[in-house]
Amino acid sequence: MPLDSPFFFYLTTVGYFLAFMCYLLNAIAGKSVTAAETAGAHALEIALPRENHWGRWATRFLEGSLVLSTLGIVLRTIALSKISGWLMPLPITNTYETLAFFSWAIPLAYWGFERHYRMKALGIFSTGIAFVLITIASSPLVPQEVTPLVPALQSYWLVAHVLFTLAGEALFSVGFAAGAIVLWRAWQGASWPRLKRLDEISYRAVALGFPLFTVGGLVFGAIWAQKAWGRYWSWDPKETWMLISWLIYALYLHVRVRWDWKGQQAAWLIVAGYLATVFTWFGVNYVLSGLHSYN
């Protein structure tokens, strides 16, 4: 097999799977140790599992996978630029490329939070989502051939539009992971002090991702639409659903800051916003038809 982008993405698939398994084993082993140390306490009130050797291996596999994924993205960029005769800064013009790029961006965003908060519970979600995305991209279901870009895609406004939007959604993925754990542990009966740190992570992830999503999806997207189609807004299905996603996250930030919503109430809004963004990215392409259908 040649050392091209699919080769490195195949290796990345293996790396993310190993990282996912190690994060999972870290959680299982860590919870067992914590439970043993808090014998006599209520089982639902234990702290999040501490790091062990599985956690350290998980981080190593994650970092190695990010390096492999970066090499794959660089090689795909070079191949796309050569065949198109146009300098393409990033390979983000079709389903295969955006899947590969998103599977790199999510773990990278999570890695930053892991280094800051020293909490590995979110790694199960982040590497799991990345593994699913890169597996789909590497499967026969998605065409992997490098094809020349159509004129409408040869625009740096498109690159800025997709790059900033996916960066925002990568941070939303971290927020979704933290929010999902909040809901799960609250359903188990955990008290608010045990959920406070996760709630803070979900808020910070969304707060960081929202400006990127706004600039990339609404501002740069509108500019590119005007360049490509002659109008800033056309109520295309993908544009409409992006606006819906933006409004949900805007509502979350409003009620969080203005009314101090935290815990389960805020987490449900984060989950709803993330589901809307996933449908905007995947569902619209396959369920609805519009100007973005070729993406």
C-alpha atoms as a PDB file:
ATOM      1  CA  MET A   1       0.000   0.000   0.000  1.00  0.00           C
ATOM      2  CA  PRO A   2       1.475   3.395  -0.979  1.00  0.00           C
ATOM      3  CA  LEU A   3       2.219   5.977   1.682  1.00  0.00           C
ATOM      4  CA  ASP A   4      -0.714   8.193   0.720  1.00  0.00           C
ATOM      5  CA  SER A   5      -3.463   9.777   2.801  1.00  0.00           C
ATOM      6  CA  PRO A   6      -5.731   6.662   2.952  1.00  0.00           C
ATOM      7  CA  PHE A   7      -2.794   4.651   4.360  1.00  0.00           C
ATOM      8  CA  PHE A   8      -2.294   7.089   7.235  1.00  0.00           C
ATOM      9  CA  PHE A   9      -6.036   7.314   7.839  1.00  0.00           C
ATOM     10  CA  TYR A  10      -6.178   3.497   8.106  1.00  0.00           C
ATOM     11  CA  LEU A  11      -3.448   3.653  10.741  1.00  0.00           C
ATOM     12  CA  THR A  12      -5.351   6.455  12.470  1.00  0.00           C
ATOM     13  CA  THR A  13      -8.414   4.210  12.644  1.00  0.00           C
ATOM     14  CA  VAL A  14      -6.402   1.606  14.544  1.00  0.00           C
ATOM     15  CA  GLY A  15      -4.896   4.267  16.805  1.00  0.00           C
ATOM     16  CA  TYR A  16      -8.255   5.769  17.731  1.00  0.00           C
ATOM     17  CA  PHE A  17      -9.652   2.318  18.489  1.00  0.00           C
ATOM     18  CA  LEU A  18      -6.731   1.547  20.820  1.00  0.00           C
ATOM     19  CA  ALA A  19      -7.093   4.943  22.471  1.00  0.00           C
ATOM     20  CA  PHE A  20     -10.842   4.380  22.922  1.00  0.00           C
ATOM     21  CA  MET A  21     -10.269   0.980  24.543  1.00  0.00           C
ATOM     22  CA  CYS A  22      -7.615   2.383  26.874  1.00  0.00           C
ATOM     23  CA  TYR A  23      -9.846   5.288  27.923  1.00  0.00           C
ATOM     24  CA  LEU A  24     -12.630   2.794  28.586  1.00  0.00           C
ATOM     25  CA  LEU A  25     -10.356   0.512  30.633  1.00  0.00           C
ATOM     26  CA  ASN A  26      -9.062   3.561  32.501  1.00  0.00           C
ATOM     27  CA  ALA A  27     -12.611   4.434  33.504  1.00  0.00           C
ATOM     28  CA  ILE A  28     -13.460   0.868  34.561  1.00  0.00           C
ATOM     29  CA  ALA A  29     -10.240   0.299  36.517  1.00  0.00           C
ATOM     30  CA  GLY A  30     -10.248   3.779  38.005  1.00  0.00           C
ATOM     31  CA  LYS A  31     -13.831   3.497  39.189  1.00  0.00           C
ATOM     32  CA  SER A  32     -13.049   0.171  40.859  1.00  0.00           C
ATOM     33  CA  VAL A  33     -10.122   1.687  42.749  1.00  0.00           C
ATOM     34  CA  THR A  34     -12.126   4.752  43.777  1.00  0.00           C
ATOM     35  CA  ALA A  35     -15.034   2.618  44.957  1.00  0.00           C
ATOM     36  CA  ALA A  36     -12.703   0.481  47.037  1.00  0.00           C
ATOM     37  CA  GLU A  37     -11.166   3.555  48.648  1.00  0.00           C
ATOM     38  CA  THR A  38     -14.580   4.970  49.530  1.00  0.00           C
ATOM     39  CA  ALA A  39     -15.989   1.797  51.041  1.00  0.00           C
ATOM     40  CA  GLY A  40     -18.985   2.595  53.141  1.00  0.00           C
ATOM     41  CA  ALA A  41     -19.910   5.664  51.050  1.00  0.00           C
ATOM     42  CA  HIS A  42     -22.849   5.686  48.697  1.00  0.00           C
ATOM     43  CA  ALA A  43     -21.811   4.105  45.417  1.00  0.00           C
ATOM     44  CA  LEU A  44     -23.470   6.824  43.368  1.00  0.00           C
ATOM     45  CA  GLU A  45     -21.582   9.584  45.162  1.00  0.00           C
ATOM     46  CA  ILE A  46     -18.076   8.468  44.231  1.00  0.00           C
ATOM     47  CA  ALA A  47     -15.817  10.800  42.309  1.00  0.00           C
ATOM     48  CA  LEU A  48     -14.929  10.399  38.665  1.00  0.00           C
ATOM     49  CA  PRO A  49     -12.354   7.622  38.156  1.00  0.00           C
ATOM     50  CA  ARG A  50      -8.740   8.593  38.649  1.00  0.00           C
ATOM     51  CA  GLU A  51      -6.032   8.065  36.064  1.00  0.00           C
ATOM     52  CA  ASN A  52      -4.069   4.800  35.964  1.00  0.00           C
ATOM     53  CA  HIS A  53      -1.655   3.211  33.499  1.00  0.00           C
ATOM     54  CA  TRP A  54      -4.526   2.683  31.023  1.00  0.00           C
ATOM     55  CA  GLY A  55      -5.103   6.423  31.021  1.00  0.00           C
ATOM     56  CA  ARG A  56      -1.476   7.121  30.248  1.00  0.00           C
ATOM     57  CA  TRP A  57      -1.523   4.665  27.360  1.00  0.00           C
ATOM     58  CA  ALA A  58      -4.769   6.206  26.121  1.00  0.00           C
ATOM     59  CA  THR A  59      -3.142   9.624  25.879  1.00  0.00           C
ATOM     60  CA  ARG A  60      -0.140   8.167  24.064  1.00  0.00           C
ATOM     61  CA  PHE A  61      -2.329   6.416  21.513  1.00  0.00           C
ATOM     62  CA  LEU A  62      -4.368   9.596  21.106  1.00  0.00           C
ATOM     63  CA  GLU A  63      -1.298  11.738  20.463  1.00  0.00           C
ATOM     64  CA  GLY A  64       0.161   9.177  18.052  1.00  0.00           C
ATOM     65  CA  SER A  65      -3.145   9.026  16.167  1.00  0.00           C
ATOM     66  CA  LEU A  66      -3.227  12.812  15.882  1.00  0.00           C
ATOM     67  CA  VAL A  67       0.246  12.753  14.313  1.00  0.00           C
ATOM     68  CA  LEU A  68      -0.817  10.076  11.803  1.00  0.00           C
ATOM     69  CA  SER A  69      -4.028  11.936  11.005  1.00  0.00           C
ATOM     70  CA  THR A  70      -2.084  15.169  10.471  1.00  0.00           C
ATOM     71  CA  LEU A  71       0.201  13.412   7.983  1.00  0.00           C
ATOM     72  CA  GLY A  72      -2.840  12.069   6.142  1.00  0.00           C
ATOM     73  CA  ILE A  73      -4.412  15.523   5.923  1.00  0.00           C
ATOM     74  CA  VAL A  74      -1.164  17.053   4.640  1.00  0.00           C
ATOM     75  CA  LEU A  75      -0.779  14.383   1.937  1.00  0.00           C
ATOM     76  CA  ARG A  76      -4.420  14.753   0.882  1.00  0.00           C
ATOM     77  CA  THR A  77      -3.965  18.515   0.641  1.00  0.00           C
ATOM     78  CA  ILE A  78      -0.925  18.102  -1.597  1.00  0.00           C
ATOM     79  CA  ALA A  79      -2.694  15.580  -3.842  1.00  0.00           C
ATOM     80  CA  LEU A  80      -5.800  17.770  -4.127  1.00  0.00           C
ATOM     81  CA  SER A  81      -3.758  20.863  -4.981  1.00  0.00           C
ATOM     82  CA  LYS A  82      -1.793  19.020  -7.663  1.00  0.00           C
ATOM     83  CA  ILE A  83      -4.797  17.576  -9.480  1.00  0.00           C
ATOM     84  CA  SER A  84      -6.808  20.808  -9.255  1.00  0.00           C
ATOM     85  CA  GLY A  85      -4.037  23.180 -10.263  1.00  0.00           C
ATOM     86  CA  TRP A  86      -5.116  25.419  -7.395  1.00  0.00           C
ATOM     87  CA  LEU A  87      -3.487  25.743  -3.974  1.00  0.00           C
ATOM     88  CA  MET A  88      -5.979  24.143  -1.597  1.00  0.00           C
ATOM     89  CA  PRO A  89      -5.042  24.938   2.019  1.00  0.00           C
ATOM     90  CA  LEU A  90      -7.081  22.088   3.516  1.00  0.00           C
ATOM     91  CA  PRO A  91      -8.894  19.022   2.122  1.00  0.00           C
ATOM     92  CA  ILE A  92     -12.457  19.835   3.157  1.00  0.00           C
ATOM     93  CA  THR A  93     -14.453  19.771  -0.074  1.00  0.00           C
ATOM     94  CA  ASN A  94     -16.366  16.468   0.061  1.00  0.00           C
ATOM     95  CA  THR A  95     -17.702  13.880   2.503  1.00  0.00           C
ATOM     96  CA  TYR A  96     -14.508  11.828   2.684  1.00  0.00           C
ATOM     97  CA  GLU A  97     -12.304  14.815   3.391  1.00  0.00           C
ATOM     98  CA  THR A  98     -14.597  16.447   5.937  1.00  0.00           C
ATOM     99  CA  LEU A  99     -15.003  13.129   7.779  1.00  0.00           C
ATOM    100  CA  ALA A 100     -11.223  12.745   7.950  1.00  0.00           C
ATOM    101  CA  PHE A 101     -10.728  16.370   8.997  1.00  0.00           C
ATOM    102  CA  PHE A 102     -13.469  16.232  11.635  1.00  0.00           C
ATOM    103  CA  SER A 103     -12.041  12.986  13.049  1.00  0.00           C
ATOM    104  CA  TRP A 104      -8.777  14.921  13.527  1.00  0.00           C
ATOM    105  CA  ALA A 105     -10.337  18.095  14.939  1.00  0.00           C
ATOM    106  CA  ILE A 106     -12.475  16.441  17.653  1.00  0.00           C
ATOM    107  CA  PRO A 107      -9.629  14.556  19.394  1.00  0.00           C
ATOM    108  CA  LEU A 108      -7.405  17.608  19.049  1.00  0.00           C
ATOM    109  CA  ALA A 109      -9.996  19.772  20.819  1.00  0.00           C
ATOM    110  CA  TYR A 110     -10.447  17.128  23.506  1.00  0.00           C
ATOM    111  CA  TRP A 111      -6.668  16.782  23.948  1.00  0.00           C
ATOM    112  CA  GLY A 112      -6.481  20.465  24.862  1.00  0.00           C
ATOM    113  CA  PHE A 113      -9.161  20.038  27.519  1.00  0.00           C
ATOM    114  CA  GLU A 114      -7.514  16.885  28.861  1.00  0.00           C
ATOM    115  CA  ARG A 115      -4.228  18.686  29.353  1.00  0.00           C
ATOM    116  CA  HIS A 116      -5.976  21.545  31.160  1.00  0.00           C
ATOM    117  CA  TYR A 117      -8.500  19.664  33.311  1.00  0.00           C
ATOM    118  CA  ARG A 118      -6.692  16.321  33.702  1.00  0.00           C
ATOM    119  CA  MET A 119     -10.012  14.525  33.191  1.00  0.00           C
ATOM    120  CA  LYS A 120      -9.963  11.493  30.916  1.00  0.00           C
ATOM    121  CA  ALA A 121     -13.619  10.472  31.130  1.00  0.00           C
ATOM    122  CA  LEU A 122     -14.405  12.558  28.035  1.00  0.00           C
ATOM    123  CA  GLY A 123     -11.813  10.618  26.060  1.00  0.00           C
ATOM    124  CA  ILE A 124     -14.211   7.693  25.686  1.00  0.00           C
ATOM    125  CA  PHE A 125     -16.685   9.869  23.795  1.00  0.00           C
ATOM    126  CA  SER A 126     -14.161  11.913  21.834  1.00  0.00           C
ATOM    127  CA  THR A 127     -12.058   9.007  20.564  1.00  0.00           C
ATOM    128  CA  GLY A 128     -15.208   6.938  20.042  1.00  0.00           C
ATOM    129  CA  ILE A 129     -16.774   9.584  17.809  1.00  0.00           C
ATOM    130  CA  ALA A 130     -13.485  10.083  15.956  1.00  0.00           C
ATOM    131  CA  PHE A 131     -13.103   6.319  15.447  1.00  0.00           C
ATOM    132  CA  VAL A 132     -16.597   6.053  13.942  1.00  0.00           C
ATOM    133  CA  LEU A 133     -15.992   9.004  11.603  1.00  0.00           C
ATOM    134  CA  ILE A 134     -12.608   7.834  10.308  1.00  0.00           C
ATOM    135  CA  THR A 135     -13.927   4.274   9.960  1.00  0.00           C
ATOM    136  CA  ILE A 136     -16.756   5.502   7.740  1.00  0.00           C
ATOM    137  CA  ALA A 137     -14.287   7.598   5.733  1.00  0.00           C
ATOM    138  CA  SER A 138     -11.954   4.611   5.269  1.00  0.00           C
ATOM    139  CA  SER A 139     -14.748   2.223   4.271  1.00  0.00           C
ATOM    140  CA  PRO A 140     -15.964   1.470   0.722  1.00  0.00           C
ATOM    141  CA  LEU A 141     -19.129   3.459   1.517  1.00  0.00           C
ATOM    142  CA  VAL A 142     -17.328   6.756   0.866  1.00  0.00           C
ATOM    143  CA  PRO A 143     -15.437   7.444  -2.399  1.00  0.00           C
ATOM    144  CA  GLN A 144     -11.784   8.230  -1.674  1.00  0.00           C
ATOM    145  CA  GLU A 145     -10.573   9.248  -5.128  1.00  0.00           C
ATOM    146  CA  VAL A 146      -8.931  12.635  -5.511  1.00  0.00           C
ATOM    147  CA  THR A 147     -10.968  14.609  -8.044  1.00  0.00           C
ATOM    148  CA  PRO A 148     -10.435  18.143  -9.425  1.00  0.00           C
ATOM    149  CA  LEU A 149     -12.380  20.856  -7.683  1.00  0.00           C
ATOM    150  CA  VAL A 150     -15.324  22.392  -9.495  1.00  0.00           C
ATOM    151  CA  PRO A 151     -15.012  26.181  -9.967  1.00  0.00           C
ATOM    152  CA  ALA A 152     -17.505  26.935  -7.172  1.00  0.00           C
ATOM    153  CA  LEU A 153     -15.240  25.149  -4.681  1.00  0.00           C
ATOM    154  CA  GLN A 154     -12.057  26.962  -5.692  1.00  0.00           C
ATOM    155  CA  SER A 155     -12.525  29.703  -3.168  1.00  0.00           C
ATOM    156  CA  TYR A 156     -10.638  30.604  -0.022  1.00  0.00           C
ATOM    157  CA  TRP A 157     -13.933  31.790   1.420  1.00  0.00           C
ATOM    158  CA  LEU A 158     -15.124  28.176   1.219  1.00  0.00           C
ATOM    159  CA  VAL A 159     -11.998  27.043   3.064  1.00  0.00           C
ATOM    160  CA  ALA A 160     -12.557  29.629   5.796  1.00  0.00           C
ATOM    161  CA  HIS A 161     -16.260  28.731   5.960  1.00  0.00           C
ATOM    162  CA  VAL A 162     -15.702  24.999   6.446  1.00  0.00           C
ATOM    163  CA  LEU A 163     -12.583  25.332   8.617  1.00  0.00           C
ATOM    164  CA  PHE A 164     -14.120  27.655  11.192  1.00  0.00           C
ATOM    165  CA  THR A 165     -17.429  25.791  11.183  1.00  0.00           C
ATOM    166  CA  LEU A 166     -15.814  22.405  11.784  1.00  0.00           C
ATOM    167  CA  ALA A 167     -13.521  23.880  14.444  1.00  0.00           C
ATOM    168  CA  GLY A 168     -16.583  25.161  16.276  1.00  0.00           C
ATOM    169  CA  GLU A 169     -18.333  21.818  15.900  1.00  0.00           C
ATOM    170  CA  ALA A 170     -15.253  19.992  17.218  1.00  0.00           C
ATOM    171  CA  LEU A 171     -15.509  22.025  20.405  1.00  0.00           C
ATOM    172  CA  PHE A 172     -19.251  21.389  20.465  1.00  0.00           C
ATOM    173  CA  SER A 173     -18.399  17.671  20.409  1.00  0.00           C
ATOM    174  CA  VAL A 174     -16.386  18.054  23.613  1.00  0.00           C
ATOM    175  CA  GLY A 175     -19.268  19.994  25.139  1.00  0.00           C
ATOM    176  CA  PHE A 176     -21.681  17.273  24.050  1.00  0.00           C
ATOM    177  CA  ALA A 177     -19.509  14.573  25.642  1.00  0.00           C
ATOM    178  CA  ALA A 178     -19.411  16.446  28.949  1.00  0.00           C
ATOM    179  CA  GLY A 179     -23.145  17.184  28.795  1.00  0.00           C
ATOM    180  CA  ALA A 180     -23.981  13.543  28.058  1.00  0.00           C
ATOM    181  CA  ILE A 181     -21.963  12.413  31.087  1.00  0.00           C
ATOM    182  CA  VAL A 182     -23.755  15.001  33.225  1.00  0.00           C
ATOM    183  CA  LEU A 183     -27.125  13.570  32.169  1.00  0.00           C
ATOM    184  CA  TRP A 184     -25.961   9.997  32.677  1.00  0.00           C
ATOM    185  CA  ARG A 185     -24.555  10.590  36.156  1.00  0.00           C
ATOM    186  CA  ALA A 186     -27.543  12.716  37.159  1.00  0.00           C
ATOM    187  CA  TRP A 187     -29.819   9.856  36.084  1.00  0.00           C
ATOM    188  CA  GLN A 188     -27.749   7.567  38.321  1.00  0.00           C
ATOM    189  CA  GLY A 189     -28.340   9.921  41.222  1.00  0.00           C
ATOM    190  CA  ALA A 190     -25.047  11.818  41.462  1.00  0.00           C
ATOM    191  CA  SER A 191     -25.207  15.094  43.373  1.00  0.00           C
ATOM    192  CA  TRP A 192     -24.400  18.514  41.897  1.00  0.00           C
ATOM    193  CA  PRO A 193     -20.875  18.781  43.410  1.00  0.00           C
ATOM    194  CA  ARG A 194     -19.951  15.643  41.458  1.00  0.00           C
ATOM    195  CA  LEU A 195     -21.248  17.180  38.221  1.00  0.00           C
ATOM    196  CA  LYS A 196     -19.983  20.725  38.589  1.00  0.00           C
ATOM    197  CA  ARG A 197     -16.628  20.176  36.878  1.00  0.00           C
ATOM    198  CA  LEU A 198     -18.205  18.429  33.892  1.00  0.00           C
ATOM    199  CA  ASP A 199     -20.762  21.214  33.626  1.00  0.00           C
ATOM    200  CA  GLU A 200     -17.936  23.768  33.566  1.00  0.00           C
ATOM    201  CA  ILE A 201     -16.148  21.868  30.786  1.00  0.00           C
ATOM    202  CA  SER A 202     -19.290  21.690  28.663  1.00  0.00           C
ATOM    203  CA  TYR A 203     -19.890  25.421  29.097  1.00  0.00           C
ATOM    204  CA  ARG A 204     -16.326  26.397  28.214  1.00  0.00           C
ATOM    205  CA  ALA A 205     -16.286  24.119  25.169  1.00  0.00           C
ATOM    206  CA  VAL A 206     -19.502  25.656  23.828  1.00  0.00           C
ATOM    207  CA  ALA A 207     -18.379  29.181  24.720  1.00  0.00           C
ATOM    208  CA  LEU A 208     -15.169  28.672  22.737  1.00  0.00           C
ATOM    209  CA  GLY A 209     -16.869  26.919  19.831  1.00  0.00           C
ATOM    210  CA  PHE A 210     -19.783  29.322  19.403  1.00  0.00           C
ATOM    211  CA  PRO A 211     -17.784  32.292  18.010  1.00  0.00           C
ATOM    212  CA  LEU A 212     -15.972  29.989  15.569  1.00  0.00           C
ATOM    213  CA  PHE A 213     -19.239  28.411  14.473  1.00  0.00           C
ATOM    214  CA  THR A 214     -20.830  31.851  14.082  1.00  0.00           C
ATOM    215  CA  VAL A 215     -18.001  33.321  12.021  1.00  0.00           C
ATOM    216  CA  GLY A 216     -17.514  30.194   9.907  1.00  0.00           C
ATOM    217  CA  GLY A 217     -21.114  29.159   9.403  1.00  0.00           C
ATOM    218  CA  LEU A 218     -22.962  32.449   9.133  1.00  0.00           C
ATOM    219  CA  VAL A 219     -20.396  35.121   8.192  1.00  0.00           C
ATOM    220  CA  PHE A 220     -17.896  33.309   5.949  1.00  0.00           C
ATOM    221  CA  GLY A 221     -20.655  31.018   4.675  1.00  0.00           C
ATOM    222  CA  ALA A 222     -22.728  33.997   3.560  1.00  0.00           C
ATOM    223  CA  ILE A 223     -19.744  35.612   1.842  1.00  0.00           C
ATOM    224  CA  TRP A 224     -18.920  32.395  -0.013  1.00  0.00           C
ATOM    225  CA  ALA A 225     -22.580  31.957  -1.006  1.00  0.00           C
ATOM    226  CA  GLN A 226     -22.574  35.433  -2.501  1.00  0.00           C
ATOM    227  CA  LYS A 227     -19.392  34.667  -4.442  1.00  0.00           C
ATOM    228  CA  ALA A 228     -20.628  31.266  -5.660  1.00  0.00           C
ATOM    229  CA  TRP A 229     -24.362  31.825  -6.152  1.00  0.00           C
ATOM    230  CA  GLY A 230     -24.784  35.603  -6.218  1.00  0.00           C
ATOM    231  CA  ARG A 231     -26.737  35.926  -2.953  1.00  0.00           C
ATOM    232  CA  TYR A 232     -25.799  35.890   0.720  1.00  0.00           C
ATOM    233  CA  TRP A 233     -28.758  33.804   1.914  1.00  0.00           C
ATOM    234  CA  SER A 234     -31.153  31.549   0.016  1.00  0.00           C
ATOM    235  CA  TRP A 235     -32.882  29.520   2.760  1.00  0.00           C
ATOM    236  CA  ASP A 236     -31.171  26.410   1.448  1.00  0.00           C
ATOM    237  CA  PRO A 237     -31.907  23.419   3.778  1.00  0.00           C
ATOM    238  CA  LYS A 238     -28.344  23.333   5.079  1.00  0.00           C
ATOM    239  CA  GLU A 239     -28.357  27.078   5.702  1.00  0.00           C
ATOM    240  CA  THR A 240     -31.677  26.782   7.521  1.00  0.00           C
ATOM    241  CA  TRP A 241     -30.527  23.936   9.750  1.00  0.00           C
ATOM    242  CA  MET A 242     -27.262  25.698  10.495  1.00  0.00           C
ATOM    243  CA  LEU A 243     -29.299  28.675  11.663  1.00  0.00           C
ATOM    244  CA  ILE A 244     -31.432  26.362  13.839  1.00  0.00           C
ATOM    245  CA  SER A 245     -28.276  24.894  15.389  1.00  0.00           C
ATOM    246  CA  TRP A 246     -26.894  28.376  15.988  1.00  0.00           C
ATOM    247  CA  LEU A 247     -30.107  29.494  17.696  1.00  0.00           C
ATOM    248  CA  ILE A 248     -30.088  26.487  20.053  1.00  0.00           C
ATOM    249  CA  TYR A 249     -26.520  27.175  21.150  1.00  0.00           C
ATOM    250  CA  ALA A 250     -27.264  30.899  21.424  1.00  0.00           C
ATOM    251  CA  LEU A 251     -30.211  30.015  23.670  1.00  0.00           C
ATOM    252  CA  TYR A 252     -27.975  27.794  25.789  1.00  0.00           C
ATOM    253  CA  LEU A 253     -25.400  30.544  26.308  1.00  0.00           C
ATOM    254  CA  HIS A 254     -28.138  33.068  27.064  1.00  0.00           C
ATOM    255  CA  VAL A 255     -29.871  30.998  29.743  1.00  0.00           C
ATOM    256  CA  ARG A 256     -26.525  29.904  31.158  1.00  0.00           C
ATOM    257  CA  VAL A 257     -25.209  33.440  31.591  1.00  0.00           C
ATOM    258  CA  ARG A 258     -28.477  35.315  32.158  1.00  0.00           C
ATOM    259  CA  TRP A 259     -30.477  32.797  34.206  1.00  0.00           C
ATOM    260  CA  ASP A 260     -27.589  30.674  35.512  1.00  0.00           C
ATOM    261  CA  TRP A 261     -28.934  27.420  34.071  1.00  0.00           C
ATOM    262  CA  LYS A 262     -26.625  24.554  34.970  1.00  0.00           C
ATOM    263  CA  GLY A 263     -26.697  20.808  35.282  1.00  0.00           C
ATOM    264  CA  GLN A 264     -29.365  18.799  33.493  1.00  0.00           C
ATOM    265  CA  GLN A 265     -31.291  21.755  32.078  1.00  0.00           C
ATOM    266  CA  ALA A 266     -28.226  23.128  30.341  1.00  0.00           C
ATOM    267  CA  ALA A 267     -27.031  19.663  29.286  1.00  0.00           C
ATOM    268  CA  TRP A 268     -30.276  18.918  27.445  1.00  0.00           C
ATOM    269  CA  LEU A 269     -29.844  22.109  25.392  1.00  0.00           C
ATOM    270  CA  ILE A 270     -26.273  21.107  24.525  1.00  0.00           C
ATOM    271  CA  VAL A 271     -27.443  17.671  23.396  1.00  0.00           C
ATOM    272  CA  ALA A 272     -30.229  19.225  21.302  1.00  0.00           C
ATOM    273  CA  GLY A 273     -27.786  21.656  19.699  1.00  0.00           C
ATOM    274  CA  TYR A 274     -25.327  18.906  18.876  1.00  0.00           C
ATOM    275  CA  LEU A 275     -27.987  16.698  17.318  1.00  0.00           C
ATOM    276  CA  ALA A 276     -29.025  19.667  15.173  1.00  0.00           C
ATOM    277  CA  THR A 277     -25.455  20.237  13.993  1.00  0.00           C
ATOM    278  CA  VAL A 278     -25.020  16.547  13.164  1.00  0.00           C
ATOM    279  CA  PHE A 279     -28.215  16.612  11.118  1.00  0.00           C
ATOM    280  CA  THR A 280     -27.040  19.794   9.408  1.00  0.00           C
ATOM    281  CA  TRP A 281     -23.800  18.115   8.404  1.00  0.00           C
ATOM    282  CA  PHE A 282     -25.009  14.583   7.567  1.00  0.00           C
ATOM    283  CA  GLY A 283     -28.772  14.435   7.435  1.00  0.00           C
ATOM    284  CA  VAL A 284     -29.387  17.356   5.115  1.00  0.00           C
ATOM    285  CA  ASN A 285     -27.105  15.869   2.467  1.00  0.00           C
ATOM    286  CA  TYR A 286     -28.969  12.568   2.334  1.00  0.00           C
ATOM    287  CA  VAL A 287     -32.528  13.479   3.358  1.00  0.00           C
ATOM    288  CA  LEU A 288     -33.028  16.921   1.802  1.00  0.00           C
ATOM    289  CA  SER A 289     -31.872  18.373  -1.505  1.00  0.00           C
ATOM    290  CA  GLY A 290     -30.375  21.783  -2.027  1.00  0.00           C
ATOM    291  CA  LEU A 291     -27.386  23.798  -3.151  1.00  0.00           C
ATOM    292  CA  HIS A 292     -25.084  21.933  -0.759  1.00  0.00           C
ATOM    293  CA  SER A 293     -25.985  18.464  -2.055  1.00  0.00           C
ATOM    294  CA  TYR A 294     -22.616  17.974  -3.745  1.00  0.00           C
ATOM    295  CA  ASN A 295     -20.829  18.243  -0.373  1.00  0.00           C
END
